[in-house]
N, C-alpha and C. Protein backbone atom coordinates (compact mmCIF):
# COMPACT_ATOMS: atom_id res chain seq x y z
N UNK A 1 -5.40 23.47 28.62
CA UNK A 1 -4.22 23.66 28.19
C UNK A 1 -3.91 23.16 27.18
N UNK A 2 -3.29 23.70 26.12
CA UNK A 2 -2.93 22.83 24.72
C UNK A 2 -1.94 21.90 25.36
N UNK A 3 -1.95 20.54 24.53
CA UNK A 3 -0.99 19.62 24.57
C UNK A 3 -0.09 19.44 23.45
N UNK A 4 1.13 19.41 23.68
CA UNK A 4 2.08 19.74 22.41
C UNK A 4 2.52 18.22 22.56
N UNK A 5 3.05 17.70 21.04
CA UNK A 5 3.47 16.40 20.79
C UNK A 5 2.90 16.08 19.38
N UNK A 6 3.21 14.82 18.97
CA UNK A 6 3.24 14.59 17.70
C UNK A 6 1.74 13.90 17.10
N UNK A 7 0.82 13.60 18.40
CA UNK A 7 -0.25 12.60 18.17
C UNK A 7 -1.49 13.65 17.09
N UNK A 8 -1.82 13.16 16.14
CA UNK A 8 -2.75 13.99 15.31
C UNK A 8 -1.87 14.93 14.56
N UNK A 9 -0.49 14.72 14.62
CA UNK A 9 0.53 15.83 13.76
C UNK A 9 0.75 15.19 12.30
N UNK A 10 1.20 15.74 11.54
CA UNK A 10 1.44 15.27 10.07
C UNK A 10 2.35 14.12 10.32
N UNK A 11 3.13 14.36 11.23
CA UNK A 11 4.34 13.04 11.30
C UNK A 11 3.58 12.06 11.63
N UNK A 12 2.41 12.06 12.41
CA UNK A 12 1.78 10.77 12.99
C UNK A 12 0.95 10.19 11.72
N UNK A 13 0.36 11.09 11.10
CA UNK A 13 -0.43 10.64 9.82
C UNK A 13 0.57 10.08 8.83
N UNK A 14 1.98 10.32 8.70
CA UNK A 14 2.42 9.47 7.64
C UNK A 14 3.87 8.41 8.38
N UNK A 15 3.38 8.10 9.56
CA UNK A 15 4.41 7.34 10.25
C UNK A 15 4.24 5.87 9.76
N UNK A 16 3.34 5.62 8.97
CA UNK A 16 3.16 4.09 8.43
C UNK A 16 3.81 3.92 7.02
N UNK A 17 4.49 5.20 6.63
CA UNK A 17 5.39 4.91 5.43
C UNK A 17 6.64 4.71 5.54
N UNK A 18 7.11 4.00 5.77
CA UNK A 18 8.73 3.73 6.16
C UNK A 18 9.74 4.50 5.47
N UNK A 19 9.65 4.94 4.16
CA UNK A 19 10.85 5.74 3.58
C UNK A 19 10.32 7.09 4.11
N UNK A 20 9.48 7.66 4.22
CA UNK A 20 8.95 8.80 4.97
C UNK A 20 9.19 9.19 6.18
N UNK A 21 9.04 8.25 7.21
CA UNK A 21 9.76 7.68 8.54
C UNK A 21 11.14 8.26 8.28
N UNK A 22 11.81 7.82 7.85
CA UNK A 22 13.24 7.67 7.45
C UNK A 22 14.02 9.45 7.35
N UNK A 23 12.73 9.67 6.16
CA UNK A 23 13.12 11.08 5.98
C UNK A 23 12.99 11.96 7.18
N UNK A 24 11.86 11.76 7.95
CA UNK A 24 11.85 12.68 9.12
C UNK A 24 12.79 12.78 9.92
N UNK A 25 13.46 11.55 10.18
CA UNK A 25 14.61 11.51 11.15
C UNK A 25 15.83 12.18 10.61
N UNK A 26 15.93 11.89 9.44
CA UNK A 26 17.20 12.57 8.83
C UNK A 26 17.58 12.59 7.11
N UNK A 27 17.27 13.53 6.36
CA UNK A 27 17.01 13.52 4.85
C UNK A 27 18.67 13.30 4.47
N UNK A 28 18.76 12.08 3.95
CA UNK A 28 20.20 12.07 3.40
C UNK A 28 20.08 11.46 2.13
N UNK A 29 19.38 10.93 1.42
CA UNK A 29 19.29 10.47 -0.20
C UNK A 29 18.34 10.86 -0.77
N UNK A 30 18.61 11.24 -2.31
CA UNK A 30 17.35 11.75 -3.09
C UNK A 30 17.57 10.69 -4.44
N UNK A 31 16.37 10.42 -5.20
CA UNK A 31 16.68 9.74 -6.61
C UNK A 31 15.38 10.14 -7.09
N UNK A 32 15.40 10.70 -8.49
CA UNK A 32 14.68 10.87 -9.18
C UNK A 32 14.34 10.47 -10.72
N UNK A 33 13.51 9.65 -10.78
CA UNK A 33 13.33 8.46 -11.82
C UNK A 33 13.74 8.91 -12.90
N UNK A 34 13.31 10.20 -13.00
CA UNK A 34 13.19 10.85 -14.48
C UNK A 34 14.90 11.14 -15.23
N UNK A 35 15.90 10.95 -13.86
CA UNK A 35 17.19 10.76 -14.13
C UNK A 35 17.60 9.63 -14.92
N UNK A 36 16.81 8.58 -14.85
CA UNK A 36 17.05 7.34 -15.53
C UNK A 36 16.14 7.33 -16.56
N UNK A 37 14.87 7.59 -16.54
CA UNK A 37 13.54 7.44 -17.42
C UNK A 37 13.16 9.06 -17.93
N UNK A 38 13.53 9.02 -18.76
CA UNK A 38 13.17 10.54 -19.23
C UNK A 38 11.72 10.66 -19.26
N UNK A 39 11.13 11.84 -18.64
CA UNK A 39 10.02 11.84 -18.83
C UNK A 39 8.86 11.54 -17.43
N UNK A 40 9.68 10.56 -16.58
CA UNK A 40 9.07 10.06 -15.35
C UNK A 40 9.55 11.23 -14.40
N UNK A 41 8.40 11.74 -13.56
CA UNK A 41 8.60 12.69 -12.27
C UNK A 41 8.44 12.03 -10.92
N UNK A 42 8.56 10.36 -11.19
CA UNK A 42 8.42 9.98 -9.46
C UNK A 42 9.85 10.48 -8.91
N UNK A 43 9.95 10.55 -7.61
CA UNK A 43 10.88 11.07 -6.68
C UNK A 43 10.70 10.32 -5.21
N UNK A 44 11.84 10.10 -4.92
CA UNK A 44 12.27 9.28 -3.39
C UNK A 44 13.10 10.27 -2.79
N UNK A 45 12.97 10.40 -1.39
CA UNK A 45 14.04 10.89 -0.66
C UNK A 45 14.11 9.88 0.78
N UNK A 46 15.13 9.15 0.78
CA UNK A 46 15.22 8.19 1.80
C UNK A 46 16.34 8.20 3.01
N UNK A 47 16.74 7.60 4.15
CA UNK A 47 17.91 7.26 4.47
C UNK A 47 19.05 6.66 3.60
N UNK A 48 18.38 5.60 2.71
CA UNK A 48 19.34 4.75 2.35
C UNK A 48 19.35 4.55 0.89
N UNK A 49 20.44 4.23 0.49
CA UNK A 49 20.18 4.00 -1.03
C UNK A 49 19.23 2.33 -1.20
N UNK A 50 19.55 1.52 -0.23
CA UNK A 50 18.62 0.26 -0.10
C UNK A 50 17.25 0.57 -0.19
N UNK A 51 16.73 1.65 0.52
CA UNK A 51 15.39 1.96 0.64
C UNK A 51 14.92 2.83 -0.64
N UNK A 52 15.82 3.36 -1.07
CA UNK A 52 15.35 3.97 -2.48
C UNK A 52 15.29 2.84 -3.61
N UNK A 53 16.02 1.88 -3.65
CA UNK A 53 15.81 0.66 -4.32
C UNK A 53 14.82 -0.02 -4.29
N UNK A 54 14.61 -0.17 -2.96
CA UNK A 54 13.09 -0.90 -2.94
C UNK A 54 11.95 -0.18 -3.39
N UNK A 55 11.74 0.95 -3.12
CA UNK A 55 10.88 1.81 -3.71
C UNK A 55 10.97 1.94 -5.37
N UNK A 56 11.90 2.21 -5.76
CA UNK A 56 12.42 2.24 -7.12
C UNK A 56 11.81 0.68 -7.77
N UNK A 57 12.15 -0.51 -7.15
CA UNK A 57 11.77 -1.35 -7.78
C UNK A 57 10.30 -1.61 -7.88
N UNK A 58 9.81 -1.31 -6.71
CA UNK A 58 8.25 -1.32 -6.69
C UNK A 58 7.45 -0.38 -7.88
N UNK A 59 7.95 0.75 -7.87
CA UNK A 59 7.27 1.73 -9.11
C UNK A 59 8.18 1.39 -10.31
N UNK A 60 9.15 0.75 -10.73
CA UNK A 60 9.62 0.17 -11.91
C UNK A 60 8.37 -0.86 -12.35
N UNK A 61 8.01 -1.68 -11.33
CA UNK A 61 7.08 -2.71 -11.83
C UNK A 61 5.53 -2.05 -12.05
N UNK A 62 5.34 -1.25 -11.05
CA UNK A 62 3.86 -0.81 -11.38
C UNK A 62 3.74 0.24 -12.55
N UNK A 63 4.60 1.12 -12.58
CA UNK A 63 4.46 2.27 -13.70
C UNK A 63 5.48 1.47 -15.17
N UNK A 64 6.48 0.95 -15.09
CA UNK A 64 7.21 1.04 -16.07
C UNK A 64 7.14 -0.37 -16.74
N UNK A 65 6.45 -1.49 -16.09
CA UNK A 65 6.37 -2.74 -16.48
C UNK A 65 7.91 -3.49 -16.24
N UNK A 66 8.53 -3.28 -15.46
CA UNK A 66 9.63 -3.91 -15.42
C UNK A 66 9.88 -4.72 -13.91
N UNK A 67 9.56 -6.37 -14.17
CA UNK A 67 9.38 -7.06 -13.14
C UNK A 67 10.45 -7.38 -12.31
N UNK A 68 11.54 -7.26 -13.07
CA UNK A 68 13.02 -7.26 -12.16
C UNK A 68 13.97 -6.12 -12.85
N UNK A 69 14.48 -5.73 -12.22
CA UNK A 69 15.39 -4.38 -12.62
C UNK A 69 16.63 -5.26 -12.70
N UNK A 70 16.72 -4.99 -14.36
CA UNK A 70 18.28 -5.37 -14.76
C UNK A 70 19.65 -4.61 -14.14
N UNK A 71 20.87 -5.09 -14.16
CA UNK A 71 21.77 -4.69 -13.73
C UNK A 71 22.25 -3.28 -14.16
N UNK A 72 22.10 -3.09 -15.36
CA UNK A 72 22.38 -1.60 -15.70
C UNK A 72 21.27 -0.59 -15.20
N UNK A 73 20.16 -1.03 -15.21
CA UNK A 73 19.40 -0.10 -14.65
C UNK A 73 19.62 0.34 -13.18
N UNK A 74 20.08 -0.85 -12.32
CA UNK A 74 20.29 -0.71 -10.88
C UNK A 74 21.47 0.10 -10.93
N UNK A 75 22.31 -0.06 -11.66
CA UNK A 75 23.85 0.91 -11.65
C UNK A 75 23.22 2.40 -11.88
N UNK A 76 22.58 2.45 -12.82
CA UNK A 76 22.10 3.93 -13.54
C UNK A 76 21.37 4.53 -12.13
N UNK A 77 20.79 4.21 -11.29
CA UNK A 77 20.05 4.44 -10.24
C UNK A 77 20.90 4.86 -8.92
N UNK A 78 21.80 3.74 -8.95
CA UNK A 78 22.67 4.35 -7.89
C UNK A 78 23.53 5.53 -8.38
N UNK A 79 23.79 5.76 -9.53
CA UNK A 79 24.87 7.03 -10.01
C UNK A 79 23.99 7.89 -9.86
N UNK A 80 22.70 7.78 -10.17
CA UNK A 80 21.83 8.82 -9.92
C UNK A 80 21.08 9.28 -8.53
N UNK A 81 21.59 8.61 -7.33
CA UNK A 81 21.01 9.01 -6.15
C UNK A 81 22.38 9.80 -5.51
N UNK A 82 21.60 11.13 -5.10
CA UNK A 82 22.34 12.31 -4.80
C UNK A 82 21.90 12.60 -3.20
N UNK A 83 23.01 12.92 -2.40
CA UNK A 83 22.90 13.37 -0.90
C UNK A 83 21.99 14.55 -0.93
N UNK A 84 21.26 14.65 0.10
CA UNK A 84 20.59 16.02 0.73
C UNK A 84 21.09 16.37 1.61
N UNK A 85 21.13 17.73 1.58
CA UNK A 85 21.41 18.37 3.02
C UNK A 85 20.32 19.12 3.83
């Protein structure tokens, strides 16, 4: 008889990714880097603005060479975060 559950499912495969785990619980916020940096195609969907900012900060350092996010960039990110239904 087949067993039903999350073990071995796509949910379990991504359970170690904090932002995605939050998304699986409840999709509430989205941010596209291209809204602040034209041409960038990176996107995030997370539960909170703070989760998005953590991911954006890591992306900005790795991809755009910004070790620290200037206040105007943080403000632009906040303005570009949109709710997802």
